[in-house]
Amino acid sequence: MSRLRSSSPYLVIGAVFLATVAYVLTVLPGRSAPPAESPSPSPFVHSDGLSDSFDGYLMRPVALPTVRGKDIPVSFHILGPDGLPLKDYETVQERPMHLFVVRDDLSGYQHLHPTLTDGLWSTPLTVQDGGSYRLYAEFTPKGRGTLGHPTVLGVSFLIPGDTKLAPLPGPAPTSVAGKYTVTRLDGIAHLNVGRGTLLKFQVADAVLEPYLGALAHMSAFEVRTQALTHLHPAANELTFHTLFVNRGEYRLFMDFKVAGEVHRAAFTVFVT
């Protein structure tokens, strides 16, 4: 009898322990806060030309400029997920490939359309000053469709020697393109980050002709990173659908055609 009484405290402790374990395993999980949801994939994830590869595609340069001059040969392959040169592309804004060139101070912008021969893209390029430049190859692989974002890959090249850097112009409501003045209809209003916005323009005293399947073509570069943002033109009006994913300054280049000649306007905008 005394042995039973001496062991009873241990039995009580054991019973309490088992009850506690049962409570933790069965009751608490139902009363605990639900686990935090994992973040959804960002709707803004797409290529911006700051990398030579994206989504299984690789831009492999064959010839890049090393000195300044006119008509310097540039050539490159776009390798597909199978590691072979890609030969089939969708036609977007009347071209299978749009090639952009800009210096790291966002001067020297060029918009070119290279030719494709057996998987090799090539074009002549004029480089007027030294500095660090980047090539942006914008394309859509065949079968992907033309409504979404194109793939944009990029490679950089360096031109040694004296360089005259160009300061970034501040925001302005107008831009002079040859003998034409282009007006941003909302002036210098700031744009909102992550929110779709329509940018509307007007060219005074000009009859615009279709250029690359629209009234104009526009590319936007983030000043801080030089990331390229593709802006989609609206049909039959000088308007562009924009959605910027980062705050800061952007430099916009707009090409339009009048009387068979292409002109270029440039704007700086703030995104807040």
Protein backbone atom coordinates (compact mmCIF):
# COMPACT_ATOMS: atom_id res chain seq x y z
CA MET A 1 0.00 0.00 0.00
CA SER A 2 2.80 2.41 0.90
CA ARG A 3 4.57 1.54 -2.40
CA LEU A 4 1.39 2.47 -4.32
CA ARG A 5 1.11 5.78 -2.45
CA SER A 6 4.75 6.62 -3.10
CA SER A 7 4.38 6.08 -6.84
CA SER A 8 1.09 7.98 -7.22
CA PRO A 9 2.75 11.42 -7.72
CA TYR A 10 4.61 10.00 -10.72
CA LEU A 11 1.37 8.62 -12.12
CA VAL A 12 -0.26 12.03 -11.77
CA ILE A 13 2.70 13.75 -13.47
CA GLY A 14 2.58 11.20 -16.28
CA ALA A 15 -1.13 11.67 -16.77
CA VAL A 16 -0.73 15.46 -16.88
CA PHE A 17 2.09 15.13 -19.41
CA LEU A 18 0.01 12.88 -21.68
CA ALA A 19 -2.96 15.22 -21.47
CA THR A 20 -0.76 18.18 -22.36
CA VAL A 21 0.68 16.37 -25.38
CA ALA A 22 -2.81 15.42 -26.55
CA TYR A 23 -3.97 19.03 -26.19
CA VAL A 24 -1.02 20.39 -28.17
CA LEU A 25 -1.46 17.86 -30.97
CA THR A 26 -5.23 18.04 -31.35
CA VAL A 27 -6.56 21.34 -30.05
CA LEU A 28 -3.91 23.99 -30.67
CA PRO A 29 -3.48 23.37 -34.43
CA GLY A 30 -7.13 24.21 -34.98
CA ARG A 31 -6.84 27.41 -32.91
CA SER A 32 -3.52 28.66 -34.30
CA ALA A 33 -3.36 31.44 -36.88
CA PRO A 34 -3.50 30.23 -40.48
CA PRO A 35 -0.13 30.11 -42.22
CA ALA A 36 0.76 33.19 -44.22
CA GLU A 37 0.04 32.87 -47.91
CA SER A 38 3.05 32.63 -50.16
CA PRO A 39 3.39 35.70 -52.37
CA SER A 40 1.91 35.44 -55.83
CA PRO A 41 4.28 35.57 -58.75
CA SER A 42 4.97 39.19 -59.69
CA PRO A 43 2.92 40.33 -62.68
CA PHE A 44 5.91 42.46 -63.71
CA VAL A 45 8.44 39.66 -64.23
CA HIS A 46 9.67 40.00 -67.77
CA SER A 47 12.99 40.65 -69.46
CA ASP A 48 14.45 44.16 -69.61
CA GLY A 49 17.73 43.79 -71.50
CA LEU A 50 19.97 43.89 -68.43
CA SER A 51 20.89 40.23 -68.92
CA ASP A 52 22.05 38.28 -71.95
CA SER A 53 19.70 35.41 -71.05
CA PHE A 54 16.06 34.98 -70.08
CA ASP A 55 13.51 32.17 -70.20
CA GLY A 56 15.92 29.76 -71.87
CA TYR A 57 17.11 32.20 -74.56
CA LEU A 58 20.66 33.55 -74.82
CA MET A 59 22.13 36.43 -76.79
CA ARG A 60 25.63 35.42 -77.94
CA PRO A 61 27.63 38.21 -79.62
CA VAL A 62 29.81 37.39 -82.60
CA ALA A 63 31.10 40.88 -83.44
CA LEU A 64 30.79 44.04 -81.30
CA PRO A 65 32.29 47.52 -81.80
CA THR A 66 35.66 48.19 -80.20
CA VAL A 67 36.37 51.60 -81.77
CA ARG A 68 34.23 54.56 -82.75
CA GLY A 69 33.31 55.01 -86.38
CA LYS A 70 30.62 54.58 -89.04
CA ASP A 71 29.05 51.33 -90.23
CA ILE A 72 30.87 49.10 -87.74
CA PRO A 73 29.71 45.47 -88.20
CA VAL A 74 27.63 44.04 -85.35
CA SER A 75 26.45 40.43 -85.32
CA PHE A 76 25.02 37.98 -82.81
CA HIS A 77 23.05 34.78 -82.37
CA ILE A 78 19.93 34.25 -80.31
CA LEU A 79 20.23 30.73 -78.93
CA GLY A 80 17.05 28.88 -78.05
CA PRO A 81 16.41 26.51 -75.14
CA ASP A 82 17.93 23.71 -77.25
CA GLY A 83 21.21 25.63 -77.49
CA LEU A 84 20.87 26.17 -81.25
CA PRO A 85 20.50 29.51 -83.08
CA LEU A 86 16.86 30.55 -83.20
CA LYS A 87 15.63 31.03 -86.76
CA ASP A 88 11.87 31.52 -86.47
CA TYR A 89 10.37 34.66 -84.98
CA GLU A 90 7.01 36.38 -84.75
CA THR A 91 6.65 39.66 -86.62
CA VAL A 92 5.95 42.39 -84.06
CA GLN A 93 5.45 45.97 -85.22
CA GLU A 94 6.40 44.88 -88.73
CA ARG A 95 9.81 43.43 -87.76
CA PRO A 96 11.04 40.12 -86.33
CA MET A 97 13.79 41.92 -84.40
CA HIS A 98 14.12 45.40 -82.91
CA LEU A 99 17.67 46.29 -81.86
CA PHE A 100 18.33 49.26 -79.59
CA VAL A 101 21.61 50.90 -78.66
CA VAL A 102 22.19 53.42 -75.88
CA ARG A 103 25.13 54.66 -73.86
CA ASP A 104 25.12 54.45 -70.07
CA ASP A 105 24.27 58.16 -69.81
CA LEU A 106 21.25 57.42 -72.07
CA SER A 107 22.68 59.33 -75.00
CA GLY A 108 23.44 57.97 -78.46
CA TYR A 109 20.14 56.12 -78.72
CA GLN A 110 19.58 54.15 -81.92
CA HIS A 111 16.75 51.90 -83.09
CA LEU A 112 17.88 49.40 -85.73
CA HIS A 113 16.43 46.45 -87.61
CA PRO A 114 19.14 43.84 -88.26
CA THR A 115 18.90 41.18 -90.93
CA LEU A 116 18.79 37.44 -90.27
CA THR A 117 20.89 34.98 -92.27
CA ASP A 118 20.88 31.34 -91.23
CA GLY A 119 20.42 32.19 -87.55
CA LEU A 120 22.91 35.08 -87.49
CA TRP A 121 21.66 38.63 -86.93
CA SER A 122 23.78 41.44 -88.36
CA THR A 123 23.68 45.20 -88.88
CA PRO A 124 26.07 48.12 -89.31
CA LEU A 125 26.33 50.45 -86.32
CA THR A 126 27.69 53.98 -86.03
CA VAL A 127 29.43 54.92 -82.76
CA GLN A 128 30.37 58.58 -82.48
CA ASP A 129 31.86 58.77 -78.98
CA GLY A 130 33.55 56.65 -76.37
CA GLY A 131 31.97 55.11 -73.30
CA SER A 132 30.00 52.09 -72.17
CA TYR A 133 27.13 51.05 -74.44
CA ARG A 134 24.48 48.36 -74.37
CA LEU A 135 22.73 46.49 -77.18
CA TYR A 136 19.13 45.42 -76.56
CA ALA A 137 17.66 42.69 -78.78
CA GLU A 138 13.86 42.65 -78.60
CA PHE A 139 12.07 39.68 -80.19
CA THR A 140 9.24 37.17 -79.82
CA PRO A 141 9.92 33.49 -80.60
CA LYS A 142 7.63 31.90 -83.17
CA GLY A 143 4.50 30.40 -81.65
CA ARG A 144 4.42 32.55 -78.54
CA GLY A 145 1.98 35.09 -79.98
CA THR A 146 2.33 38.85 -80.22
CA LEU A 147 0.09 40.15 -77.44
CA GLY A 148 2.38 39.72 -74.43
CA HIS A 149 5.77 41.14 -73.56
CA PRO A 150 8.58 40.42 -76.01
CA THR A 151 11.84 38.90 -74.88
CA VAL A 152 14.58 41.51 -74.43
CA LEU A 153 18.20 40.41 -74.07
CA GLY A 154 21.23 42.67 -73.81
CA VAL A 155 25.00 42.77 -74.02
CA SER A 156 27.35 45.66 -73.35
CA PHE A 157 30.44 46.90 -75.14
CA LEU A 158 33.07 49.52 -74.35
CA ILE A 159 34.58 52.14 -76.63
CA PRO A 160 37.85 53.44 -75.12
CA GLY A 161 39.15 56.98 -75.37
CA ASP A 162 37.96 60.45 -74.46
CA THR A 163 34.25 60.65 -73.75
CA LYS A 164 31.95 63.63 -73.58
CA LEU A 165 29.19 62.67 -71.17
CA ALA A 166 25.73 64.12 -71.77
CA PRO A 167 23.72 65.37 -68.76
CA LEU A 168 20.19 64.01 -68.47
CA PRO A 169 17.62 66.63 -69.52
CA GLY A 170 14.95 67.39 -66.98
CA PRO A 171 11.24 66.78 -67.54
CA ALA A 172 9.72 69.08 -70.13
CA PRO A 173 6.28 69.25 -71.77
CA THR A 174 7.73 69.51 -75.29
CA SER A 175 10.53 68.03 -77.37
CA VAL A 176 11.92 69.30 -80.65
CA ALA A 177 12.38 66.66 -83.36
CA GLY A 178 13.86 68.27 -86.46
CA LYS A 179 11.44 70.97 -87.55
CA TYR A 180 8.59 69.47 -85.50
CA THR A 181 7.58 70.10 -81.89
CA VAL A 182 6.12 67.16 -79.97
CA THR A 183 3.96 67.95 -76.94
CA ARG A 184 3.21 65.69 -74.02
CA LEU A 185 -0.43 66.51 -73.39
CA ASP A 186 -0.28 66.04 -69.60
CA GLY A 187 2.76 68.29 -69.32
CA ILE A 188 5.32 67.09 -66.79
CA ALA A 189 2.88 65.26 -64.53
CA HIS A 190 4.44 62.48 -62.49
CA LEU A 191 3.38 58.91 -63.25
CA ASN A 192 2.39 56.36 -60.60
CA VAL A 193 4.51 53.27 -60.10
CA GLY A 194 2.78 49.97 -60.81
CA ARG A 195 -0.27 51.62 -62.34
CA GLY A 196 -1.21 51.57 -66.00
CA THR A 197 -1.25 55.01 -67.57
CA LEU A 198 -1.90 56.44 -71.01
CA LEU A 199 0.74 58.84 -72.28
CA LYS A 200 -0.67 61.08 -75.00
CA PHE A 201 1.32 63.20 -77.42
CA GLN A 202 0.71 65.64 -80.25
CA VAL A 203 2.94 66.68 -83.15
CA ALA A 204 2.17 70.22 -84.29
CA ASP A 205 1.69 70.98 -87.99
CA ALA A 206 2.39 67.43 -89.11
CA VAL A 207 0.51 64.64 -90.83
CA LEU A 208 1.79 61.45 -89.31
CA GLU A 209 2.33 58.39 -91.45
CA PRO A 210 2.23 54.82 -90.15
CA TYR A 211 5.57 53.72 -88.74
CA LEU A 212 6.15 50.10 -87.70
CA GLY A 213 2.44 49.39 -87.73
CA ALA A 214 1.42 52.37 -85.59
CA LEU A 215 1.60 56.16 -85.55
CA ALA A 216 4.87 55.99 -83.61
CA HIS A 217 7.24 53.71 -81.72
CA MET A 218 8.40 54.42 -78.16
CA SER A 219 11.00 52.84 -75.88
CA ALA A 220 11.58 53.78 -72.24
CA PHE A 221 14.81 53.32 -70.26
CA GLU A 222 15.06 53.50 -66.49
CA VAL A 223 17.80 56.04 -65.79
CA ARG A 224 19.19 54.27 -62.71
CA THR A 225 19.54 50.80 -64.20
CA GLN A 226 19.08 51.31 -67.98
CA ALA A 227 16.35 48.64 -67.95
CA LEU A 228 14.27 48.78 -71.12
CA THR A 229 10.48 48.96 -70.93
CA HIS A 230 8.44 48.22 -74.03
CA LEU A 231 5.55 50.66 -74.47
CA HIS A 232 2.56 49.48 -76.49
CA PRO A 233 1.09 52.01 -78.93
CA ALA A 234 -2.64 52.56 -79.19
CA ALA A 235 -4.34 52.19 -82.55
CA ASN A 236 -4.88 55.28 -84.68
CA GLU A 237 -3.72 57.83 -82.10
CA LEU A 238 -0.45 59.07 -80.65
CA THR A 239 -0.96 57.33 -77.32
CA PHE A 240 1.09 54.73 -75.44
CA HIS A 241 0.09 52.30 -72.71
CA THR A 242 2.65 52.51 -69.88
CA LEU A 243 3.26 50.59 -66.68
CA PHE A 244 6.48 51.33 -64.82
CA VAL A 245 7.55 48.94 -62.06
CA ASN A 246 10.12 51.15 -60.29
CA ARG A 247 10.14 54.68 -58.99
CA GLY A 248 12.60 57.15 -60.45
CA GLU A 249 13.48 58.83 -63.72
CA TYR A 250 12.87 57.34 -67.15
CA ARG A 251 14.06 58.49 -70.55
CA LEU A 252 11.56 58.01 -73.39
CA PHE A 253 12.42 57.95 -77.10
CA MET A 254 9.61 58.28 -79.63
CA ASP A 255 10.09 57.71 -83.37
CA PHE A 256 7.47 58.95 -85.84
CA LYS A 257 7.30 59.46 -89.60
CA VAL A 258 6.31 62.53 -91.61
CA ALA A 259 6.60 62.75 -95.40
CA GLY A 260 8.60 59.52 -95.53
CA GLU A 261 11.21 60.67 -92.98
CA VAL A 262 11.58 59.31 -89.44
CA HIS A 263 11.99 61.84 -86.63
CA ARG A 264 12.80 61.31 -82.96
CA ALA A 265 11.55 63.07 -79.85
CA ALA A 266 12.83 62.41 -76.33
CA PHE A 267 11.23 63.03 -72.93
CA THR A 268 12.26 62.56 -69.32
CA VAL A 269 9.50 61.50 -66.91
CA PHE A 270 9.33 60.96 -63.16
CA VAL A 271 7.62 57.89 -61.70
CA THR A 272 6.58 58.17 -58.04
